[in-house]
C-alpha atoms as a PDB file:
ATOM      1  CA  MET A   1       0.113  -0.097  -0.051  1.00  0.00           C
ATOM      2  CA  THR A   2       1.280   3.315  -1.136  1.00  0.00           C
ATOM      3  CA  ASP A   3       1.193   6.148   1.402  1.00  0.00           C
ATOM      4  CA  PHE A   4       0.410   9.898   0.201  1.00  0.00           C
ATOM      5  CA  SER A   5       1.772  12.898   1.720  1.00  0.00           C
ATOM      6  CA  ILE A   6       2.106  16.723   1.270  1.00  0.00           C
ATOM      7  CA  LEU A   7       4.828  18.751   0.131  1.00  0.00           C
ATOM      8  CA  ASP A   8       4.370  22.503   0.570  1.00  0.00           C
ATOM      9  CA  LEU A   9       6.603  25.407  -0.691  1.00  0.00           C
ATOM     10  CA  SER A  10       4.258  27.802   1.081  1.00  0.00           C
ATOM     11  CA  PRO A  11       3.684  29.737  -2.191  1.00  0.00           C
ATOM     12  CA  ILE A  12       3.339  33.544  -2.238  1.00  0.00           C
ATOM     13  CA  VAL A  13       0.596  34.160  -5.089  1.00  0.00           C
ATOM     14  CA  GLU A  14       0.766  37.400  -6.878  1.00  0.00           C
ATOM     15  CA  GLY A  15      -1.361  40.161  -5.073  1.00  0.00           C
ATOM     16  CA  SER A  16      -0.713  38.605  -1.607  1.00  0.00           C
ATOM     17  CA  ASP A  17       2.322  38.333   0.849  1.00  0.00           C
ATOM     18  CA  ALA A  18       4.107  35.741   3.049  1.00  0.00           C
ATOM     19  CA  ALA A  19       1.702  36.319   6.222  1.00  0.00           C
ATOM     20  CA  GLN A  20      -1.012  35.066   3.920  1.00  0.00           C
ATOM     21  CA  SER A  21       0.891  32.010   2.736  1.00  0.00           C
ATOM     22  CA  PHE A  22       1.636  30.844   6.247  1.00  0.00           C
ATOM     23  CA  ARG A  23      -2.120  30.960   6.983  1.00  0.00           C
ATOM     24  CA  ASN A  24      -2.562  29.027   3.994  1.00  0.00           C
ATOM     25  CA  SER A  25       0.189  26.299   4.867  1.00  0.00           C
ATOM     26  CA  LEU A  26      -1.543  25.916   8.251  1.00  0.00           C
ATOM     27  CA  SER A  27      -4.816  25.499   6.524  1.00  0.00           C
ATOM     28  CA  LEU A  28      -3.480  22.845   4.149  1.00  0.00           C
ATOM     29  CA  ALA A  29      -1.816  21.029   6.982  1.00  0.00           C
ATOM     30  CA  GLN A  30      -5.041  20.794   8.917  1.00  0.00           C
ATOM     31  CA  HIS A  31      -6.828  19.899   5.775  1.00  0.00           C
ATOM     32  CA  GLY A  32      -4.211  17.057   4.910  1.00  0.00           C
ATOM     33  CA  GLU A  33      -4.410  15.807   8.778  1.00  0.00           C
ATOM     34  CA  LYS A  34      -8.367  15.493   8.436  1.00  0.00           C
ATOM     35  CA  LEU A  35      -8.111  13.569   4.866  1.00  0.00           C
ATOM     36  CA  GLY A  36      -5.553  11.042   6.193  1.00  0.00           C
ATOM     37  CA  TYR A  37      -2.275  12.194   4.648  1.00  0.00           C
ATOM     38  CA  ARG A  38       0.448  10.730   6.340  1.00  0.00           C
ATOM     39  CA  ARG A  39       3.043  13.666   6.350  1.00  0.00           C
ATOM     40  CA  TYR A  40       3.211  17.391   5.759  1.00  0.00           C
ATOM     41  CA  TRP A  41       6.787  18.625   4.722  1.00  0.00           C
ATOM     42  CA  LEU A  42       7.969  21.950   3.899  1.00  0.00           C
ATOM     43  CA  ALA A  43      11.048  22.769   1.528  1.00  0.00           C
ATOM     44  CA  GLU A  44      13.747  25.375   2.306  1.00  0.00           C
ATOM     45  CA  HIS A  45      14.403  27.939  -0.454  1.00  0.00           C
ATOM     46  CA  HIS A  46      16.164  31.283  -0.296  1.00  0.00           C
ATOM     47  CA  GLY A  47      15.796  34.490  -2.140  1.00  0.00           C
ATOM     48  CA  MET A  48      12.622  33.319  -4.101  1.00  0.00           C
ATOM     49  CA  PRO A  49       9.745  35.793  -4.297  1.00  0.00           C
ATOM     50  CA  GLY A  50       7.351  33.194  -4.825  1.00  0.00           C
ATOM     51  CA  ILE A  51       8.233  30.976  -1.848  1.00  0.00           C
ATOM     52  CA  ALA A  52       7.938  31.580   1.819  1.00  0.00           C
ATOM     53  CA  SER A  53       8.998  28.411   3.684  1.00  0.00           C
ATOM     54  CA  ALA A  54      12.847  29.697   4.148  1.00  0.00           C
ATOM     55  CA  ALA A  55      12.887  29.641   7.917  1.00  0.00           C
ATOM     56  CA  THR A  56      11.618  26.102   7.652  1.00  0.00           C
ATOM     57  CA  ALA A  57      11.870  25.069  11.210  1.00  0.00           C
ATOM     58  CA  VAL A  58      10.115  28.259  12.465  1.00  0.00           C
ATOM     59  CA  LEU A  59       7.202  27.585  10.008  1.00  0.00           C
ATOM     60  CA  LEU A  60       7.093  23.892  11.036  1.00  0.00           C
ATOM     61  CA  ALA A  61       6.710  25.146  14.652  1.00  0.00           C
ATOM     62  CA  HIS A  62       3.637  27.120  13.422  1.00  0.00           C
ATOM     63  CA  VAL A  63       2.133  24.279  11.584  1.00  0.00           C
ATOM     64  CA  GLY A  64       2.879  21.738  14.477  1.00  0.00           C
ATOM     65  CA  ALA A  65       1.025  24.060  17.126  1.00  0.00           C
ATOM     66  CA  GLY A  66      -2.058  23.984  14.557  1.00  0.00           C
ATOM     67  CA  THR A  67      -2.209  20.085  14.186  1.00  0.00           C
ATOM     68  CA  SER A  68      -2.075  17.069  16.251  1.00  0.00           C
ATOM     69  CA  THR A  69      -1.479  13.906  14.275  1.00  0.00           C
ATOM     70  CA  ILE A  70       0.144  14.361  10.982  1.00  0.00           C
ATOM     71  CA  ARG A  71       3.848  14.045  10.619  1.00  0.00           C
ATOM     72  CA  ILE A  72       5.733  17.186  10.018  1.00  0.00           C
ATOM     73  CA  GLY A  73       9.057  17.652   8.692  1.00  0.00           C
ATOM     74  CA  ALA A  74      11.530  19.269   6.331  1.00  0.00           C
ATOM     75  CA  GLY A  75      11.498  18.164   2.564  1.00  0.00           C
ATOM     76  CA  GLY A  76      14.234  19.315   3.260  1.00  0.00           C
ATOM     77  CA  VAL A  77      16.834  21.169   5.053  1.00  0.00           C
ATOM     78  CA  MET A  78      19.540  22.143   2.724  1.00  0.00           C
ATOM     79  CA  LEU A  79      22.252  21.053   5.038  1.00  0.00           C
ATOM     80  CA  PRO A  80      25.183  23.039   3.174  1.00  0.00           C
ATOM     81  CA  ASN A  81      23.593  26.193   4.414  1.00  0.00           C
ATOM     82  CA  HIS A  82      23.803  25.229   8.154  1.00  0.00           C
ATOM     83  CA  SER A  83      26.149  23.634  10.727  1.00  0.00           C
ATOM     84  CA  PRO A  84      24.995  20.273  11.737  1.00  0.00           C
ATOM     85  CA  LEU A  85      24.570  21.393  15.507  1.00  0.00           C
ATOM     86  CA  VAL A  86      22.177  23.898  14.650  1.00  0.00           C
ATOM     87  CA  ILE A  87      19.813  21.763  12.537  1.00  0.00           C
ATOM     88  CA  ALA A  88      19.921  19.305  15.853  1.00  0.00           C
ATOM     89  CA  GLU A  89      18.942  21.727  18.071  1.00  0.00           C
ATOM     90  CA  GLN A  90      16.241  23.214  15.628  1.00  0.00           C
ATOM     91  CA  PHE A  91      14.598  19.730  15.026  1.00  0.00           C
ATOM     92  CA  GLY A  92      15.340  18.519  18.713  1.00  0.00           C
ATOM     93  CA  THR A  93      13.344  21.601  19.741  1.00  0.00           C
ATOM     94  CA  LEU A  94      10.436  20.575  17.144  1.00  0.00           C
ATOM     95  CA  GLU A  95      10.602  16.754  18.448  1.00  0.00           C
ATOM     96  CA  SER A  96      10.547  17.913  22.008  1.00  0.00           C
ATOM     97  CA  LEU A  97       7.330  20.208  21.170  1.00  0.00           C
ATOM     98  CA  TYR A  98       5.688  17.536  18.886  1.00  0.00           C
ATOM     99  CA  PRO A  99       7.035  14.286  19.962  1.00  0.00           C
ATOM    100  CA  GLY A 100       6.953  11.277  17.697  1.00  0.00           C
ATOM    101  CA  ARG A 101       5.708  13.815  14.777  1.00  0.00           C
ATOM    102  CA  VAL A 102       9.027  15.180  13.340  1.00  0.00           C
ATOM    103  CA  ASP A 103      10.816  14.209  10.049  1.00  0.00           C
ATOM    104  CA  LEU A 104      14.349  15.702   9.023  1.00  0.00           C
ATOM    105  CA  GLY A 105      14.802  15.423   5.202  1.00  0.00           C
ATOM    106  CA  LEU A 106      18.333  16.562   4.156  1.00  0.00           C
ATOM    107  CA  GLY A 107      19.626  17.736   0.877  1.00  0.00           C
ATOM    108  CA  ARG A 108      22.797  18.735  -0.589  1.00  0.00           C
ATOM    109  CA  ALA A 109      21.850  21.572  -2.809  1.00  0.00           C
ATOM    110  CA  PRO A 110      21.786  25.224  -1.394  1.00  0.00           C
ATOM    111  CA  GLY A 111      18.283  25.889  -2.205  1.00  0.00           C
ATOM    112  CA  SER A 112      19.281  29.372  -3.708  1.00  0.00           C
ATOM    113  CA  ASP A 113      21.887  31.034  -6.265  1.00  0.00           C
ATOM    114  CA  GLN A 114      25.371  31.547  -5.243  1.00  0.00           C
ATOM    115  CA  ARG A 115      24.871  35.209  -4.259  1.00  0.00           C
ATOM    116  CA  THR A 116      22.343  34.191  -1.954  1.00  0.00           C
ATOM    117  CA  ALA A 117      24.220  31.185  -0.658  1.00  0.00           C
ATOM    118  CA  ARG A 118      27.168  33.482   0.099  1.00  0.00           C
ATOM    119  CA  ALA A 119      24.539  35.931   2.033  1.00  0.00           C
ATOM    120  CA  LEU A 120      23.717  32.575   4.111  1.00  0.00           C
ATOM    121  CA  ARG A 121      27.343  32.507   5.254  1.00  0.00           C
ATOM    122  CA  ARG A 122      27.629  29.080   3.427  1.00  0.00           C
ATOM    123  CA  ASN A 123      31.157  27.991   2.640  1.00  0.00           C
ATOM    124  CA  LEU A 124      31.186  27.749  -1.251  1.00  0.00           C
ATOM    125  CA  GLU A 125      34.564  26.015  -1.206  1.00  0.00           C
ATOM    126  CA  SER A 126      33.484  22.948   0.635  1.00  0.00           C
ATOM    127  CA  ASP A 127      34.418  19.767  -1.312  1.00  0.00           C
ATOM    128  CA  ALA A 128      31.858  17.179  -2.426  1.00  0.00           C
ATOM    129  CA  ASP A 129      32.486  14.904   0.433  1.00  0.00           C
ATOM    130  CA  GLN A 130      31.388  17.307   3.292  1.00  0.00           C
ATOM    131  CA  PHE A 131      27.777  16.587   2.745  1.00  0.00           C
ATOM    132  CA  PRO A 132      27.955  12.963   3.915  1.00  0.00           C
ATOM    133  CA  GLN A 133      29.982  13.885   6.793  1.00  0.00           C
ATOM    134  CA  ASP A 134      27.733  16.613   8.054  1.00  0.00           C
ATOM    135  CA  VAL A 135      24.930  13.834   7.831  1.00  0.00           C
ATOM    136  CA  ILE A 136      26.729  11.599   9.893  1.00  0.00           C
ATOM    137  CA  GLU A 137      27.893  14.371  12.378  1.00  0.00           C
ATOM    138  CA  LEU A 138      24.158  15.500  12.661  1.00  0.00           C
ATOM    139  CA  MET A 139      22.731  11.976  13.312  1.00  0.00           C
ATOM    140  CA  ASP A 140      25.513  11.674  16.177  1.00  0.00           C
ATOM    141  CA  PHE A 141      24.065  14.862  17.586  1.00  0.00           C
ATOM    142  CA  MET A 142      20.544  13.393  17.746  1.00  0.00           C
ATOM    143  CA  SER A 143      21.829  10.003  18.864  1.00  0.00           C
ATOM    144  CA  LYS A 144      21.250   8.214  22.414  1.00  0.00           C
ATOM    145  CA  ASN A 145      24.902   7.904  22.784  1.00  0.00           C
ATOM    146  CA  PRO A 146      26.918  10.832  20.936  1.00  0.00           C
ATOM    147  CA  GLN A 147      30.748  10.578  20.356  1.00  0.00           C
ATOM    148  CA  GLN A 148      31.187  14.197  20.192  1.00  0.00           C
ATOM    149  CA  ALA A 149      32.189  16.503  23.079  1.00  0.00           C
ATOM    150  CA  VAL A 150      29.644  19.097  22.031  1.00  0.00           C
ATOM    151  CA  ARG A 151      26.054  18.292  23.019  1.00  0.00           C
ATOM    152  CA  ALA A 152      22.904  19.195  21.073  1.00  0.00           C
ATOM    153  CA  VAL A 153      20.312  20.587  23.716  1.00  0.00           C
ATOM    154  CA  PRO A 154      17.644  19.832  22.935  1.00  0.00           C
ATOM    155  CA  GLY A 155      18.521  17.124  20.299  1.00  0.00           C
ATOM    156  CA  ALA A 156      20.666  14.716  21.884  1.00  0.00           C
ATOM    157  CA  GLY A 157      18.880  11.118  22.479  1.00  0.00           C
ATOM    158  CA  LEU A 158      15.941  12.534  20.397  1.00  0.00           C
ATOM    159  CA  GLU A 159      16.811  10.301  17.181  1.00  0.00           C
ATOM    160  CA  VAL A 160      14.650  12.297  14.920  1.00  0.00           C
ATOM    161  CA  PRO A 161      14.124  10.299  11.815  1.00  0.00           C
ATOM    162  CA  VAL A 162      16.625  11.318   9.038  1.00  0.00           C
ATOM    163  CA  TRP A 163      16.017  10.938   5.210  1.00  0.00           C
ATOM    164  CA  ILE A 164      18.105  11.919   2.330  1.00  0.00           C
ATOM    165  CA  LEU A 165      16.649  13.767  -0.384  1.00  0.00           C
ATOM    166  CA  GLY A 166      18.107  13.861  -3.868  1.00  0.00           C
ATOM    167  CA  SER A 167      17.605  14.608  -7.668  1.00  0.00           C
ATOM    168  CA  SER A 168      20.684  12.506  -8.730  1.00  0.00           C
ATOM    169  CA  THR A 169      22.099   9.136  -8.040  1.00  0.00           C
ATOM    170  CA  PHE A 170      24.421  10.487  -5.470  1.00  0.00           C
ATOM    171  CA  GLY A 171      21.596  10.823  -2.757  1.00  0.00           C
ATOM    172  CA  ALA A 172      20.563   7.398  -3.580  1.00  0.00           C
ATOM    173  CA  GLN A 173      23.999   5.856  -2.953  1.00  0.00           C
ATOM    174  CA  LEU A 174      24.480   7.813   0.370  1.00  0.00           C
ATOM    175  CA  ALA A 175      20.760   6.860   1.594  1.00  0.00           C
ATOM    176  CA  ALA A 176      21.636   3.172   0.839  1.00  0.00           C
ATOM    177  CA  HIS A 177      24.941   3.356   2.326  1.00  0.00           C
ATOM    178  CA  LEU A 178      23.648   4.802   5.452  1.00  0.00           C
ATOM    179  CA  GLY A 179      20.590   2.768   5.610  1.00  0.00           C
ATOM    180  CA  LEU A 180      18.215   5.582   5.421  1.00  0.00           C
ATOM    181  CA  PRO A 181      14.855   6.409   3.726  1.00  0.00           C
ATOM    182  CA  TYR A 182      15.241   8.082   0.198  1.00  0.00           C
ATOM    183  CA  ALA A 183      13.202  10.703  -1.168  1.00  0.00           C
ATOM    184  CA  PHE A 184      13.604  11.778  -4.859  1.00  0.00           C
ATOM    185  CA  ALA A 185      12.669  14.948  -6.280  1.00  0.00           C
ATOM    186  CA  SER A 186      10.885  13.772  -9.216  1.00  0.00           C
ATOM    187  CA  HIS A 187       8.292  16.435  -9.117  1.00  0.00           C
ATOM    188  CA  PHE A 188      10.709  18.806 -10.632  1.00  0.00           C
ATOM    189  CA  ALA A 189      13.766  16.634 -11.868  1.00  0.00           C
ATOM    190  CA  PRO A 190      12.512  13.238 -12.851  1.00  0.00           C
ATOM    191  CA  GLN A 191      15.303  12.623 -15.425  1.00  0.00           C
ATOM    192  CA  GLN A 192      17.298  10.064 -13.262  1.00  0.00           C
ATOM    193  CA  MET A 193      14.576   8.968 -11.097  1.00  0.00           C
ATOM    194  CA  MET A 194      14.445   5.296 -12.118  1.00  0.00           C
ATOM    195  CA  GLN A 195      18.272   4.822 -12.377  1.00  0.00           C
ATOM    196  CA  ALA A 196      18.128   6.339  -8.608  1.00  0.00           C
ATOM    197  CA  ILE A 197      15.558   4.009  -7.346  1.00  0.00           C
ATOM    198  CA  GLN A 198      17.331   0.979  -8.648  1.00  0.00           C
ATOM    199  CA  ILE A 199      20.652   1.998  -7.293  1.00  0.00           C
ATOM    200  CA  TYR A 200      19.015   2.660  -3.784  1.00  0.00           C
ATOM    201  CA  ARG A 201      17.278  -0.755  -3.726  1.00  0.00           C
ATOM    202  CA  GLU A 202      20.163  -2.747  -4.814  1.00  0.00           C
ATOM    203  CA  THR A 203      22.712  -1.266  -2.770  1.00  0.00           C
ATOM    204  CA  PHE A 204      20.830  -0.752   0.414  1.00  0.00           C
ATOM    205  CA  LYS A 205      22.456  -1.601   3.745  1.00  0.00           C
ATOM    206  CA  PRO A 206      19.859  -2.088   6.802  1.00  0.00           C
ATOM    207  CA  SER A 207      20.487   0.187   9.710  1.00  0.00           C
ATOM    208  CA  ALA A 208      18.943   0.901  13.077  1.00  0.00           C
ATOM    209  CA  GLN A 209      16.461   3.436  11.543  1.00  0.00           C
ATOM    210  CA  LEU A 210      15.514   1.172   8.585  1.00  0.00           C
ATOM    211  CA  ALA A 211      15.476  -2.631   7.878  1.00  0.00           C
ATOM    212  CA  LYS A 212      14.755  -2.358   4.093  1.00  0.00           C
ATOM    213  CA  PRO A 213      14.517   0.262   1.360  1.00  0.00           C
ATOM    214  CA  TYR A 214      12.087   2.919   1.618  1.00  0.00           C
ATOM    215  CA  VAL A 215      11.382   5.061  -1.507  1.00  0.00           C
ATOM    216  CA  MET A 216       9.325   8.123  -1.439  1.00  0.00           C
ATOM    217  CA  LEU A 217       8.957  10.209  -4.922  1.00  0.00           C
ATOM    218  CA  GLY A 218       7.697  13.773  -5.504  1.00  0.00           C
ATOM    219  CA  PHE A 219       4.565  13.909  -7.753  1.00  0.00           C
ATOM    220  CA  ASN A 220       2.717  16.820  -9.040  1.00  0.00           C
ATOM    221  CA  VAL A 221      -1.267  16.546  -8.856  1.00  0.00           C
ATOM    222  CA  PHE A 222      -3.617  18.961 -10.286  1.00  0.00           C
ATOM    223  CA  ALA A 223      -7.110  17.417  -9.618  1.00  0.00           C
ATOM    224  CA  ALA A 224     -10.552  19.203 -10.358  1.00  0.00           C
ATOM    225  CA  ASP A 225     -13.855  18.134 -11.108  1.00  0.00           C
ATOM    226  CA  THR A 226     -13.156  18.149 -14.816  1.00  0.00           C
ATOM    227  CA  ASP A 227      -9.934  17.700 -16.771  1.00  0.00           C
ATOM    228  CA  ALA A 228     -10.474  21.545 -18.497  1.00  0.00           C
ATOM    229  CA  GLU A 229     -10.466  23.007 -15.115  1.00  0.00           C
ATOM    230  CA  ALA A 230      -7.326  21.030 -13.764  1.00  0.00           C
ATOM    231  CA  GLU A 231      -5.428  21.990 -16.874  1.00  0.00           C
ATOM    232  CA  PHE A 232      -6.452  25.427 -16.335  1.00  0.00           C
ATOM    233  CA  ARG A 233      -5.428  25.501 -12.684  1.00  0.00           C
ATOM    234  CA  ALA A 234      -1.845  23.714 -13.457  1.00  0.00           C
ATOM    235  CA  THR A 235      -0.846  26.901 -15.631  1.00  0.00           C
ATOM    236  CA  SER A 236      -0.037  28.556 -12.638  1.00  0.00           C
ATOM    237  CA  TRP A 237       2.861  26.312 -11.848  1.00  0.00           C
ATOM    238  CA  GLN A 238       3.603  25.901 -15.319  1.00  0.00           C
ATOM    239  CA  GLN A 239       4.235  29.641 -15.786  1.00  0.00           C
ATOM    240  CA  ALA A 240       6.100  29.635 -12.357  1.00  0.00           C
ATOM    241  CA  PHE A 241       8.594  26.682 -13.393  1.00  0.00           C
ATOM    242  CA  VAL A 242       9.309  28.305 -16.812  1.00  0.00           C
ATOM    243  CA  ASN A 243       9.807  31.783 -15.377  1.00  0.00           C
ATOM    244  CA  LEU A 244      12.161  30.216 -12.749  1.00  0.00           C
ATOM    245  CA  ARG A 245      14.105  28.233 -15.422  1.00  0.00           C
ATOM    246  CA  SER A 246      14.507  31.293 -17.637  1.00  0.00           C
ATOM    247  CA  GLY A 247      16.038  33.241 -14.628  1.00  0.00           C
ATOM    248  CA  ARG A 248      13.018  35.173 -13.889  1.00  0.00           C
ATOM    249  CA  PRO A 249      11.637  33.746 -10.630  1.00  0.00           C
ATOM    250  CA  GLY A 250       8.398  35.606  -9.374  1.00  0.00           C
ATOM    251  CA  ARG A 251       5.459  34.892  -7.221  1.00  0.00           C
ATOM    252  CA  LEU A 252       2.957  32.156  -8.360  1.00  0.00           C
ATOM    253  CA  PRO A 253       0.951  33.879 -11.003  1.00  0.00           C
ATOM    254  CA  PRO A 254      -2.899  33.497 -11.606  1.00  0.00           C
ATOM    255  CA  PRO A 255      -4.009  30.744 -14.308  1.00  0.00           C
ATOM    256  CA  VAL A 256      -4.401  31.646 -17.928  1.00  0.00           C
ATOM    257  CA  GLU A 257      -6.253  29.791 -20.755  1.00  0.00           C
ATOM    258  CA  GLY A 258      -4.216  28.142 -23.400  1.00  0.00           C
ATOM    259  CA  TYR A 259      -0.757  28.764 -21.886  1.00  0.00           C
ATOM    260  CA  ARG A 260       1.178  25.901 -23.509  1.00  0.00           C
ATOM    261  CA  GLN A 261       0.004  27.375 -26.895  1.00  0.00           C
ATOM    262  CA  LYS A 262       1.434  30.582 -25.939  1.00  0.00           C
ATOM    263  CA  VAL A 263       4.983  29.403 -25.373  1.00  0.00           C
ATOM    264  CA  GLY A 264       7.571  28.321 -27.735  1.00  0.00           C
ATOM    265  CA  PRO A 265       9.214  24.588 -28.332  1.00  0.00           C
ATOM    266  CA  ALA A 266      11.803  25.103 -25.726  1.00  0.00           C
ATOM    267  CA  GLU A 267       9.518  26.022 -23.109  1.00  0.00           C
ATOM    268  CA  ASN A 268       6.824  23.141 -23.882  1.00  0.00           C
ATOM    269  CA  ALA A 269       9.832  20.422 -24.057  1.00  0.00           C
ATOM    270  CA  LEU A 270      10.821  21.819 -20.459  1.00  0.00           C
ATOM    271  CA  LEU A 271       7.291  21.173 -19.391  1.00  0.00           C
ATOM    272  CA  ASP A 272       6.861  17.767 -21.104  1.00  0.00           C
ATOM    273  CA  SER A 273       9.909  16.557 -19.275  1.00  0.00           C
ATOM    274  CA  VAL A 274       8.877  17.662 -15.905  1.00  0.00           C
ATOM    275  CA  LEU A 275       5.244  16.663 -16.218  1.00  0.00           C
ATOM    276  CA  SER A 276       6.351  13.065 -16.749  1.00  0.00           C
ATOM    277  CA  CYS A 277       5.770  12.899 -13.022  1.00  0.00           C
ATOM    278  CA  SER A 278       2.437  14.429 -12.809  1.00  0.00           C
ATOM    279  CA  ALA A 279      -1.283  13.893 -12.962  1.00  0.00           C
ATOM    280  CA  VAL A 280      -3.539  16.709 -14.383  1.00  0.00           C
ATOM    281  CA  GLY A 281      -7.355  16.123 -14.811  1.00  0.00           C
ATOM    282  CA  SER A 282     -10.737  15.077 -13.240  1.00  0.00           C
ATOM    283  CA  PRO A 283     -10.758  12.086 -10.701  1.00  0.00           C
ATOM    284  CA  ASP A 284     -10.594   9.455 -13.441  1.00  0.00           C
ATOM    285  CA  THR A 285      -7.572  11.001 -15.097  1.00  0.00           C
ATOM    286  CA  VAL A 286      -5.798  11.613 -11.727  1.00  0.00           C
ATOM    287  CA  ARG A 287      -6.545   7.917 -10.715  1.00  0.00           C
ATOM    288  CA  ALA A 288      -4.891   6.554 -14.084  1.00  0.00           C
ATOM    289  CA  GLY A 289      -1.951   8.631 -13.819  1.00  0.00           C
ATOM    290  CA  VAL A 290      -1.387   7.850  -9.904  1.00  0.00           C
ATOM    291  CA  GLU A 291      -1.907   4.192 -10.760  1.00  0.00           C
ATOM    292  CA  ALA A 292       0.589   4.043 -13.428  1.00  0.00           C
ATOM    293  CA  PHE A 293       2.978   5.829 -11.719  1.00  0.00           C
ATOM    294  CA  ILE A 294       3.087   3.536  -8.743  1.00  0.00           C
ATOM    295  CA  GLU A 295       3.155   0.436 -10.869  1.00  0.00           C
ATOM    296  CA  ARG A 296       6.150   1.901 -12.822  1.00  0.00           C
ATOM    297  CA  THR A 297       8.225   2.975  -9.820  1.00  0.00           C
ATOM    298  CA  GLY A 298       6.797   0.616  -6.885  1.00  0.00           C
ATOM    299  CA  ALA A 299       6.997   3.854  -4.709  1.00  0.00           C
ATOM    300  CA  ASN A 300       6.271   3.055  -0.922  1.00  0.00           C
ATOM    301  CA  GLU A 301       5.106   6.716  -0.695  1.00  0.00           C
ATOM    302  CA  LEU A 302       4.159   9.832  -2.951  1.00  0.00           C
ATOM    303  CA  MET A 303       5.090  13.209  -1.726  1.00  0.00           C
ATOM    304  CA  ILE A 304       2.513  15.392  -3.517  1.00  0.00           C
ATOM    305  CA  THR A 305       3.001  18.946  -4.330  1.00  0.00           C
ATOM    306  CA  SER A 306       0.195  21.084  -6.098  1.00  0.00           C
ATOM    307  CA  GLN A 307       1.032  24.609  -6.793  1.00  0.00           C
ATOM    308  CA  VAL A 308      -2.571  26.137  -7.494  1.00  0.00           C
ATOM    309  CA  PHE A 309      -2.956  29.824  -7.098  1.00  0.00           C
ATOM    310  CA  ASP A 310      -6.514  29.728  -5.632  1.00  0.00           C
ATOM    311  CA  HIS A 311      -6.347  28.238  -1.971  1.00  0.00           C
ATOM    312  CA  ALA A 312      -9.678  26.767  -2.040  1.00  0.00           C
ATOM    313  CA  SER A 313      -8.991  25.058  -5.407  1.00  0.00           C
ATOM    314  CA  ARG A 314      -5.585  23.649  -3.929  1.00  0.00           C
ATOM    315  CA  LEU A 315      -7.479  22.137  -1.003  1.00  0.00           C
ATOM    316  CA  ARG A 316      -9.842  20.780  -3.342  1.00  0.00           C
ATOM    317  CA  SER A 317      -7.082  19.115  -5.392  1.00  0.00           C
ATOM    318  CA  TYR A 318      -5.808  17.339  -2.268  1.00  0.00           C
ATOM    319  CA  GLU A 319      -9.527  16.193  -1.362  1.00  0.00           C
ATOM    320  CA  LEU A 320      -9.937  14.688  -4.545  1.00  0.00           C
ATOM    321  CA  LEU A 321      -6.881  12.892  -4.415  1.00  0.00           C
ATOM    322  CA  ALA A 322      -7.526  11.684  -0.875  1.00  0.00           C
ATOM    323  CA  ARG A 323     -10.661   9.991  -2.218  1.00  0.00           C
ATOM    324  CA  ILE A 324      -8.662   8.513  -5.081  1.00  0.00           C
ATOM    325  CA  ARG A 325      -6.123   6.930  -2.595  1.00  0.00           C
ATOM    326  CA  ASP A 326      -8.979   5.417  -0.719  1.00  0.00           C
ATOM    327  CA  SER A 327     -10.429   3.966  -3.747  1.00  0.00           C
ATOM    328  CA  LEU A 328      -6.921   2.458  -4.720  1.00  0.00           C
ATOM    329  CA  ARG A 329      -6.788   1.034  -1.046  1.00  0.00           C
ATOM    330  CA  ALA A 330     -10.582  -0.464  -1.388  1.00  0.00           C
END
């Protein structure tokens, strides 16, 4: 049985602000909790006008206070931006506030451009081996018997579950070597998905946290009552994605009719690539897309993102997907 979870970027839509995004994020998490989604994760990004989840741990504290059962976590924290001790303290704090509900997904990208990364006081000269070392150091800070002289308070002994995130085969190898669950960012970078899954499953080594491989895959869903409405709602995300890849990041724009017909071959090729891990349409259309994706990948869990301009329509998309999930389990 495949679990379904929610990935939120806390989008800032045109004509709105971060404060409203935070209210919407809490609303989405509460909605997901009622609908039986397993997790609600936020992603760390910096310097992006349309994404409000930069202070990921702070926003998770807000969401945790307004929910009671759904797991909350980072999908993920971009570890090169931080010292392992700081993240151990932050997520030790969250685990102390909301025991048994917190996940920590770790990525090795900066989640920003180089200028923003420098402003974050990140060491841009770090070598390729630093991320694995930082993951091990962070896990030690949260272990029951830390080997380091410095203690994470809170953090030590809390053993917050750690995930490795990735969009290439590097993360798959690391997750397999450390015996950790693996989340692949197929919702925006699907090119190496199948290769990464194969490497992870074939080379996985059991650990104290995980006995066998566990694969979570990012997946875009834009569900509505009709195919036409869903395709219309999806154009907000399509515009934002093209703008970002074209060096023009901005707030999430309102949907437009016929967007794909208004852009050129390069933009359409870009969207065709990323939409390979998406389902857009009515419940019947989305069900077929979700079933095919699970059949192709054998995913243990889908991390669903739905970047919809109108908040009520976004909630509706997750509601329709929950019904589809329940029908698949029946």
